[in-house]
Protein backbone atom coordinates (compact mmCIF):
# COMPACT_ATOMS: atom_id res chain seq x y z
CA MET A 1 -9.05 -36.59 -8.83
CA THR A 2 -6.50 -34.71 -10.94
CA ARG A 3 -9.30 -32.96 -12.81
CA TYR A 4 -10.87 -31.87 -9.49
CA LEU A 5 -7.55 -30.46 -8.21
CA THR A 6 -6.97 -28.62 -11.49
CA MET A 7 -10.44 -27.06 -11.37
CA ALA A 8 -9.95 -26.07 -7.72
CA ALA A 9 -6.60 -24.45 -8.49
CA LEU A 10 -8.05 -22.54 -11.46
CA SER A 11 -11.01 -21.33 -9.37
CA ALA A 12 -8.71 -20.14 -6.59
CA ALA A 13 -6.45 -18.32 -9.04
CA MET A 14 -9.42 -16.57 -10.64
CA MET A 15 -10.78 -15.48 -7.25
CA LEU A 16 -7.41 -14.17 -6.06
CA GLY A 17 -6.80 -12.35 -9.32
CA GLY A 18 -10.22 -10.74 -9.12
CA CYS A 19 -9.50 -9.36 -5.67
CA ALA A 20 -6.67 -7.29 -7.07
CA THR A 21 -8.63 -5.65 -9.86
CA THR A 22 -12.24 -5.15 -8.80
CA GLY A 23 -14.15 -3.90 -5.82
CA ARG A 24 -16.77 -5.72 -3.76
CA ALA A 25 -19.49 -5.13 -6.32
CA GLY A 26 -17.31 -6.37 -9.18
CA ARG A 27 -16.99 -2.89 -10.66
CA PRO A 28 -13.75 -2.31 -12.58
CA ALA A 29 -11.04 -0.44 -10.70
CA THR A 30 -10.20 2.86 -12.36
CA SER A 31 -8.17 5.86 -11.32
CA THR A 32 -9.38 9.37 -11.88
CA PRO A 33 -7.08 12.18 -12.99
CA GLY A 34 -5.70 14.23 -10.13
CA GLU A 35 -5.79 11.55 -7.44
CA THR A 36 -3.50 11.84 -4.43
CA VAL A 37 -2.05 8.55 -3.19
CA ARG A 38 -1.39 8.14 0.55
CA VAL A 39 0.41 5.16 2.05
CA ALA A 40 0.22 4.59 5.79
CA VAL A 41 2.52 2.05 7.43
CA GLY A 42 1.20 0.82 10.76
CA PRO A 43 2.95 -0.64 13.80
CA CYS A 44 4.19 -4.18 14.20
CA PHE A 45 4.96 -6.27 17.28
CA GLY A 46 8.53 -4.90 17.31
CA PHE A 47 10.14 -1.56 16.46
CA CYS A 48 8.94 -1.17 12.87
CA PRO A 49 8.81 2.35 11.42
CA VAL A 50 5.32 3.89 11.59
CA TYR A 51 4.69 6.68 9.11
CA SER A 52 2.51 7.99 6.32
CA VAL A 53 3.45 9.53 3.01
CA SER A 54 1.22 11.14 0.41
CA VAL A 55 2.07 11.93 -3.19
CA ALA A 56 0.10 14.57 -5.09
CA PRO A 57 -0.21 14.57 -8.88
CA ASP A 58 2.06 17.63 -9.09
CA GLY A 59 4.91 15.78 -7.32
CA ALA A 60 4.44 17.19 -3.82
CA VAL A 61 5.39 14.56 -1.21
CA HIS A 62 4.22 14.96 2.39
CA PHE A 63 5.78 12.64 4.99
CA VAL A 64 4.80 12.23 8.66
CA GLY A 65 7.03 10.05 10.84
CA GLU A 66 5.09 8.82 13.87
CA ARG A 67 7.27 6.24 15.59
CA HIS A 68 10.57 4.40 15.10
CA THR A 69 11.56 6.49 12.05
CA ALA A 70 14.74 8.53 11.60
CA VAL A 71 12.56 11.62 11.13
CA LEU A 72 9.66 12.25 13.48
CA GLY A 73 7.00 14.74 12.45
CA ALA A 74 6.18 16.30 9.10
CA ARG A 75 8.51 16.88 6.16
CA THR A 76 7.83 17.79 2.57
CA THR A 77 9.74 17.32 -0.64
CA ARG A 78 9.02 17.10 -4.35
CA VAL A 79 9.56 14.42 -6.96
CA PRO A 80 9.72 14.93 -10.74
CA ALA A 81 6.35 15.00 -12.53
CA PRO A 82 6.62 11.48 -14.02
CA VAL A 83 6.97 9.85 -10.57
CA PRO A 84 3.36 10.32 -9.34
CA SER A 85 1.85 9.11 -12.62
CA ALA A 86 4.18 6.09 -12.67
CA LEU A 87 3.21 5.31 -9.07
CA VAL A 88 -0.50 5.49 -9.88
CA ARG A 89 0.09 3.27 -12.91
CA ASP A 90 2.04 0.69 -10.87
CA LEU A 91 -0.58 0.63 -8.09
CA ALA A 92 -3.54 0.47 -10.51
CA ARG A 93 -3.84 -3.32 -10.47
CA TYR A 94 -4.35 -3.23 -6.68
CA ARG A 95 -6.81 -0.33 -6.64
CA PRO A 96 -10.36 -1.31 -5.69
CA ALA A 97 -13.39 0.27 -7.31
CA THR A 98 -13.89 3.90 -6.34
CA GLY A 99 -15.25 4.23 -2.82
CA ASP A 100 -14.39 0.69 -1.73
CA ASP A 101 -12.15 -0.27 1.21
CA VAL A 102 -10.88 -3.81 0.72
CA PRO A 103 -8.00 -6.09 1.69
CA VAL A 104 -5.70 -7.28 -1.07
CA ALA A 105 -5.55 -11.07 -1.02
CA CYS A 106 -2.59 -12.92 0.50
CA THR A 107 -2.10 -16.67 0.70
CA ALA A 108 -1.59 -16.42 4.46
CA ALA A 109 -1.88 -13.70 7.09
CA VAL A 110 1.17 -12.75 9.14
CA SER A 111 -0.33 -10.79 12.02
CA ASP A 112 2.73 -9.44 13.86
CA THR A 113 3.99 -7.35 10.91
CA SER A 114 3.17 -3.83 9.78
CA ALA A 115 -0.06 -3.22 7.94
CA TYR A 116 -0.08 -1.03 4.84
CA SER A 117 -3.04 1.10 3.87
CA VAL A 118 -3.07 2.67 0.40
CA THR A 119 -5.65 5.44 -0.04
CA TRP A 120 -6.48 7.09 -3.34
CA THR A 121 -8.31 10.42 -2.88
CA ASP A 122 -9.89 12.04 -5.92
CA ALA A 123 -10.53 15.75 -6.49
CA ALA A 124 -14.04 15.40 -5.00
CA GLY A 125 -12.60 13.92 -1.78
CA ARG A 126 -13.80 10.35 -2.42
CA LYS A 127 -11.49 7.80 -0.87
CA THR A 128 -10.65 4.35 -2.17
CA VAL A 129 -8.59 2.09 0.11
CA ALA A 130 -6.59 -1.12 -0.32
CA ARG A 131 -5.05 -2.81 2.73
CA VAL A 132 -2.34 -5.44 2.94
CA GLN A 133 -0.20 -6.97 5.66
CA ASP A 134 3.59 -6.82 5.32
CA ALA A 135 5.33 -10.16 4.72
CA CYS A 136 2.46 -11.37 2.52
CA PRO A 137 3.86 -14.71 1.28
CA GLY A 138 1.83 -15.01 -1.92
CA GLY A 139 -1.15 -13.89 -3.95
CA PRO A 140 -1.73 -10.36 -5.27
CA GLY A 141 -0.75 -8.88 -1.90
CA GLN A 142 2.82 -10.07 -2.31
CA GLY A 143 3.32 -7.84 -5.36
CA LEU A 144 1.73 -4.88 -3.61
CA VAL A 145 4.03 -5.31 -0.60
CA ARG A 146 7.03 -5.35 -2.94
CA LEU A 147 5.91 -2.03 -4.46
CA LEU A 148 5.25 -0.48 -1.05
CA ARG A 149 8.60 -1.55 0.39
CA ALA A 150 10.34 0.21 -2.53
CA LEU A 151 8.28 3.38 -2.16
CA PRO A 152 10.60 5.30 0.22
CA SER A 153 13.55 4.92 -2.19
CA ARG A 154 11.36 5.78 -5.15
CA LEU A 155 10.21 9.00 -3.44
CA GLY A 156 13.65 9.95 -2.12
CA ILE A 157 12.60 9.61 1.54
CA ALA A 158 14.39 6.38 2.46
CA ASP A 159 16.60 8.20 4.98
CA TRP A 160 13.49 9.56 6.72
CA THR A 161 11.84 6.13 7.03
CA LYS A 162 14.86 4.25 8.38
CA GLN A 163 14.12 2.26 11.52
CA VAL A 164 15.39 3.94 14.70
CA THR A 165 15.00 2.65 18.24
CA ARG A 166 14.94 5.42 20.81
CA PRO A 167 15.40 4.93 24.55
CA GLY A 168 12.12 4.80 26.43
CA VAL A 169 9.94 4.32 23.34
CA SER A 170 7.94 1.12 23.46
CA ARG A 171 7.40 -1.42 20.72
CA GLY A 172 4.51 -1.31 18.34
């Protein structure tokens, strides 16, 4: 019985680990030089901030606040050159194979929280997408959520993404 449980645990760990590093066809996940990374934060059941932010390789940051953010609409800023390459490096383990659109594994789904979508767009316009639900309690998705929650501070836009409830604006 113990041997069976050990084998089951090892199999599950290998499957979850594989979800973070390869696409559907098992191709290795690789970034291409010059990729732009876009993170979209979707609505939740409450008054969660809804926004998107993209980071270009040259450090250009484009923010669009859609709902429940301190800043509504588009804003741009710049970050030092090492920031985009460090971001791409930190996100690399969650990047699917080029062209794939896949969820990053979590141990359980929490459906009333914001959903994150991370899109890598290469110079040819090919998109690669990883999706994860906020509040992921375990598995590779938990690490990705940690990175994404820290992104506004890392990009110097934390004040723009702060949660704001405005009169007459509904939840979600």
